[in-house]
Amino acid sequence: MEKVVLETREDKTQAFVLYEDEKKAGEMIVSIQGTELTAEHTEVEPFYRGRGFAVKLVEGMADYVRSHGMKVGVLCPYTYAQFNRHPEKYADIWNKGK
């Protein structure tokens, strides 16, 4: 079973981390300032690639942003591609100015 959780590390960086059966499968590095979340980088561990986990990270981040009344600035190429490819899913949260 997969789950996506927002974690804050010792160095204060934050990431949405996807776990499958309690093992880290991938992560999306983000920064949060007020009501703006910036998606910086998404990466899936080699063993888990090709299974749609990067999409699950984007969806988990989007769910979090919506539930907290936030907007998303996108620096991550993968997240940018998903937002561009599926504007109907992400138009409500995408801050295209960032």
Protein backbone atom coordinates (compact mmCIF):
# COMPACT_ATOMS: atom_id res chain seq x y z
CA MET A 1 0.00 0.00 0.00
CA GLU A 2 1.31 3.43 -0.92
CA LYS A 3 1.07 6.59 1.13
CA VAL A 4 2.36 10.12 0.59
CA VAL A 5 3.34 12.19 3.62
CA LEU A 6 4.83 15.64 4.06
CA GLU A 7 8.01 15.45 6.12
CA THR A 8 10.32 18.10 7.53
CA ARG A 9 13.95 17.03 7.79
CA GLU A 10 16.55 17.96 10.38
CA ASP A 11 17.94 20.62 8.03
CA LYS A 12 14.40 22.11 7.83
CA THR A 13 13.90 21.16 4.16
CA GLN A 14 10.51 19.66 3.35
CA ALA A 15 9.43 16.89 1.03
CA PHE A 16 6.42 14.83 0.15
CA VAL A 17 7.66 11.29 0.54
CA LEU A 18 5.95 8.30 -1.05
CA TYR A 19 6.21 5.04 0.85
CA GLU A 20 5.27 1.61 -0.41
CA ASP A 21 5.00 -0.95 2.35
CA GLU A 22 6.93 1.40 4.68
CA LYS A 23 9.85 1.71 2.21
CA LYS A 24 10.71 5.06 0.65
CA ALA A 25 9.88 4.88 -3.06
CA GLY A 26 10.26 8.54 -4.01
CA GLU A 27 10.06 12.15 -2.96
CA MET A 28 9.14 15.63 -4.09
CA ILE A 29 11.27 18.39 -2.56
CA VAL A 30 9.19 21.48 -1.80
CA SER A 31 9.48 24.82 -0.07
CA ILE A 32 6.57 26.49 1.68
CA GLN A 33 6.25 30.18 2.39
CA GLY A 34 2.88 31.29 3.69
CA THR A 35 0.23 30.02 1.27
CA GLU A 36 2.72 29.35 -1.56
CA LEU A 37 4.24 25.92 -2.06
CA THR A 38 7.04 25.59 -4.60
CA ALA A 39 7.59 22.16 -6.16
CA GLU A 40 11.34 21.98 -6.67
CA HIS A 41 12.32 18.43 -7.60
CA THR A 42 10.66 15.03 -7.94
CA GLU A 43 12.54 11.75 -7.93
CA VAL A 44 11.53 8.10 -7.72
CA GLU A 45 13.98 5.45 -6.55
CA PRO A 46 15.22 3.29 -9.48
CA PHE A 47 13.54 0.11 -8.21
CA TYR A 48 10.12 1.84 -8.22
CA ARG A 49 10.30 3.65 -11.56
CA GLY A 50 7.70 2.99 -14.25
CA ARG A 51 4.92 2.36 -11.74
CA GLY A 52 3.28 5.80 -11.71
CA PHE A 53 4.78 6.86 -8.40
CA ALA A 54 5.87 10.30 -9.62
CA VAL A 55 2.25 11.03 -10.56
CA LYS A 56 1.17 9.89 -7.09
CA LEU A 57 3.61 12.38 -5.58
CA VAL A 58 2.15 15.20 -7.68
CA GLU A 59 -1.38 14.16 -6.72
CA GLY A 60 -0.46 13.92 -3.03
CA MET A 61 1.06 17.39 -3.14
CA ALA A 62 -2.01 18.76 -4.96
CA ASP A 63 -4.35 17.25 -2.36
CA TYR A 64 -2.33 18.86 0.43
CA VAL A 65 -2.30 22.25 -1.31
CA ARG A 66 -6.06 22.19 -1.88
CA SER A 67 -6.84 21.17 1.67
CA HIS A 68 -4.69 24.03 2.99
CA GLY A 69 -5.95 26.75 0.58
CA MET A 70 -2.55 27.16 -1.05
CA LYS A 71 -1.15 27.78 -4.54
CA VAL A 72 1.74 26.03 -6.29
CA GLY A 73 4.75 27.54 -7.98
CA VAL A 74 6.51 25.00 -10.18
CA LEU A 75 10.27 24.69 -10.68
CA CYS A 76 10.31 20.90 -11.07
CA PRO A 77 10.29 19.85 -14.74
CA TYR A 78 8.21 16.74 -14.05
CA THR A 79 5.56 18.62 -12.08
CA TYR A 80 5.50 21.33 -14.75
CA ALA A 81 4.89 18.68 -17.43
CA GLN A 82 2.02 17.18 -15.41
CA PHE A 83 0.42 20.56 -14.77
CA ASN A 84 0.75 21.44 -18.47
CA ARG A 85 -0.54 18.06 -19.66
CA HIS A 86 -3.57 18.08 -17.34
CA PRO A 87 -4.59 21.73 -16.86
CA GLU A 88 -8.13 20.71 -15.90
CA LYS A 89 -6.74 18.91 -12.83
CA TYR A 90 -4.39 21.63 -11.62
CA ALA A 91 -5.59 25.05 -12.90
CA ASP A 92 -7.16 25.85 -9.52
CA ILE A 93 -3.84 25.58 -7.65
CA TRP A 94 -1.20 26.53 -10.23
CA ASN A 95 0.40 29.93 -9.75
CA LYS A 96 1.82 30.32 -13.26
CA GLY A 97 3.62 33.49 -12.25
CA LYS A 98 6.09 31.38 -10.23
